[in-house]
Amino acid sequence: MRFSMLQQKEVIEAGNGRFIGFVIDAEVSKETGYVTAFLIAEPRKYLGFF
């Protein structure tokens, strides 16, 4: 899977089903080339004045 496709996926907490955010970056091990962590952006909260 391309990283650009991964950035469009929602990250959901498995325990309670809460939406956490979207992947914005990844940490890759120099030795193995494997992804070791993802950086997740918090969901934006919109203030509605409608």
N, C-alpha and C. Protein backbone atom coordinates (compact mmCIF):
# COMPACT_ATOMS: atom_id res chain seq x y z
N MET A 1 0.84 -1.16 0.00
CA MET A 1 0.00 0.00 0.00
C MET A 1 0.90 1.24 0.00
N ARG A 2 0.54 2.20 -0.79
CA ARG A 2 1.29 3.47 -0.83
C ARG A 2 0.95 4.30 0.40
N PHE A 3 1.93 5.10 0.83
CA PHE A 3 1.72 5.94 2.01
C PHE A 3 0.60 6.95 1.79
N SER A 4 0.46 7.46 0.58
CA SER A 4 -0.62 8.42 0.29
C SER A 4 -1.99 7.78 0.48
N MET A 5 -2.11 6.49 0.20
CA MET A 5 -3.38 5.79 0.43
C MET A 5 -3.61 5.59 1.93
N LEU A 6 -2.53 5.32 2.66
CA LEU A 6 -2.64 5.12 4.10
C LEU A 6 -3.09 6.39 4.80
N GLN A 7 -2.67 7.55 4.31
CA GLN A 7 -3.04 8.82 4.92
C GLN A 7 -4.54 9.10 4.81
N GLN A 8 -5.23 8.43 3.93
CA GLN A 8 -6.67 8.64 3.76
C GLN A 8 -7.50 7.73 4.66
N LYS A 9 -6.85 6.81 5.36
CA LYS A 9 -7.56 5.86 6.22
C LYS A 9 -7.78 6.44 7.61
N GLU A 10 -8.93 6.15 8.20
CA GLU A 10 -9.23 6.57 9.55
C GLU A 10 -8.55 5.63 10.54
N VAL A 11 -8.05 6.17 11.64
CA VAL A 11 -7.47 5.36 12.71
C VAL A 11 -8.52 5.29 13.82
N ILE A 12 -8.93 4.07 14.15
CA ILE A 12 -9.98 3.84 15.13
C ILE A 12 -9.39 3.05 16.30
N GLU A 13 -9.70 3.47 17.53
CA GLU A 13 -9.24 2.74 18.72
C GLU A 13 -10.02 1.43 18.82
N ALA A 14 -9.31 0.33 18.98
CA ALA A 14 -9.95 -0.99 18.97
C ALA A 14 -10.80 -1.22 20.21
N GLY A 15 -10.41 -0.68 21.34
CA GLY A 15 -11.12 -0.94 22.59
C GLY A 15 -12.53 -0.40 22.64
N ASN A 16 -12.72 0.85 22.19
CA ASN A 16 -14.05 1.45 22.30
C ASN A 16 -14.60 1.99 20.98
N GLY A 17 -13.86 1.86 19.90
CA GLY A 17 -14.34 2.29 18.59
C GLY A 17 -14.27 3.78 18.36
N ARG A 18 -13.52 4.50 19.20
CA ARG A 18 -13.42 5.95 19.07
C ARG A 18 -12.50 6.32 17.92
N PHE A 19 -12.91 7.32 17.13
CA PHE A 19 -12.10 7.83 16.03
C PHE A 19 -10.93 8.62 16.62
N ILE A 20 -9.69 8.27 16.22
CA ILE A 20 -8.50 8.93 16.77
C ILE A 20 -8.00 10.01 15.82
N GLY A 21 -7.97 9.75 14.53
CA GLY A 21 -7.49 10.73 13.56
C GLY A 21 -6.99 10.06 12.30
N PHE A 22 -6.12 10.76 11.59
CA PHE A 22 -5.56 10.25 10.35
C PHE A 22 -4.03 10.20 10.47
N VAL A 23 -3.41 9.26 9.75
CA VAL A 23 -1.96 9.13 9.73
C VAL A 23 -1.38 10.32 8.97
N ILE A 24 -0.39 11.01 9.58
CA ILE A 24 0.25 12.13 8.88
C ILE A 24 1.73 11.86 8.60
N ASP A 25 2.33 10.90 9.32
CA ASP A 25 3.75 10.60 9.10
C ASP A 25 4.03 9.20 9.61
N ALA A 26 5.17 8.64 9.22
CA ALA A 26 5.57 7.31 9.66
C ALA A 26 7.05 7.33 10.04
N GLU A 27 7.39 6.54 11.05
CA GLU A 27 8.78 6.36 11.46
C GLU A 27 9.25 5.03 10.91
N VAL A 28 10.38 5.05 10.19
CA VAL A 28 10.90 3.85 9.54
C VAL A 28 12.28 3.53 10.12
N SER A 29 12.51 2.27 10.45
CA SER A 29 13.79 1.82 10.97
C SER A 29 14.83 1.84 9.86
N LYS A 30 15.99 2.45 10.13
CA LYS A 30 17.06 2.49 9.13
C LYS A 30 17.66 1.10 8.90
N GLU A 31 17.72 0.29 9.94
CA GLU A 31 18.34 -1.02 9.84
C GLU A 31 17.48 -2.02 9.06
N THR A 32 16.18 -2.05 9.38
CA THR A 32 15.31 -3.07 8.79
C THR A 32 14.45 -2.57 7.63
N GLY A 33 14.17 -1.26 7.61
CA GLY A 33 13.29 -0.72 6.58
C GLY A 33 11.82 -0.87 6.91
N TYR A 34 11.50 -1.39 8.11
CA TYR A 34 10.11 -1.57 8.53
C TYR A 34 9.58 -0.31 9.20
N VAL A 35 8.28 -0.10 9.08
CA VAL A 35 7.62 1.00 9.78
C VAL A 35 7.55 0.63 11.25
N THR A 36 8.03 1.52 12.12
CA THR A 36 8.01 1.25 13.56
C THR A 36 6.94 2.04 14.29
N ALA A 37 6.47 3.16 13.71
CA ALA A 37 5.44 3.96 14.37
C ALA A 37 4.74 4.84 13.34
N PHE A 38 3.53 5.22 13.67
CA PHE A 38 2.78 6.19 12.87
C PHE A 38 2.49 7.41 13.73
N LEU A 39 2.54 8.59 13.12
CA LEU A 39 2.16 9.83 13.79
C LEU A 39 0.73 10.14 13.35
N ILE A 40 -0.14 10.28 14.34
CA ILE A 40 -1.57 10.48 14.08
C ILE A 40 -1.96 11.91 14.42
N ALA A 41 -2.67 12.59 13.52
CA ALA A 41 -3.16 13.94 13.77
C ALA A 41 -4.48 13.85 14.51
N GLU A 42 -4.65 14.70 15.51
CA GLU A 42 -5.92 14.75 16.22
C GLU A 42 -7.00 15.28 15.29
N PRO A 43 -8.22 14.81 15.47
CA PRO A 43 -9.31 15.32 14.61
C PRO A 43 -9.56 16.80 14.89
N ARG A 44 -9.86 17.52 13.85
CA ARG A 44 -10.16 18.94 14.01
C ARG A 44 -11.53 19.11 14.63
N LYS A 45 -11.62 20.10 15.49
CA LYS A 45 -12.91 20.41 16.10
C LYS A 45 -13.36 21.76 15.55
N TYR A 46 -14.50 21.76 14.94
CA TYR A 46 -15.01 22.95 14.32
C TYR A 46 -15.97 23.65 15.27
N LEU A 47 -15.81 24.95 15.38
CA LEU A 47 -16.76 25.74 16.16
C LEU A 47 -17.83 26.24 15.21
N GLY A 48 -19.03 25.79 15.44
CA GLY A 48 -20.11 26.18 14.55
C GLY A 48 -20.91 27.34 15.13
N PHE A 49 -21.07 28.36 14.35
CA PHE A 49 -21.88 29.50 14.74
C PHE A 49 -23.11 29.60 13.87
N PHE A 50 -23.63 28.47 13.44
CA PHE A 50 -24.77 28.46 12.54
C PHE A 50 -26.06 28.35 13.31
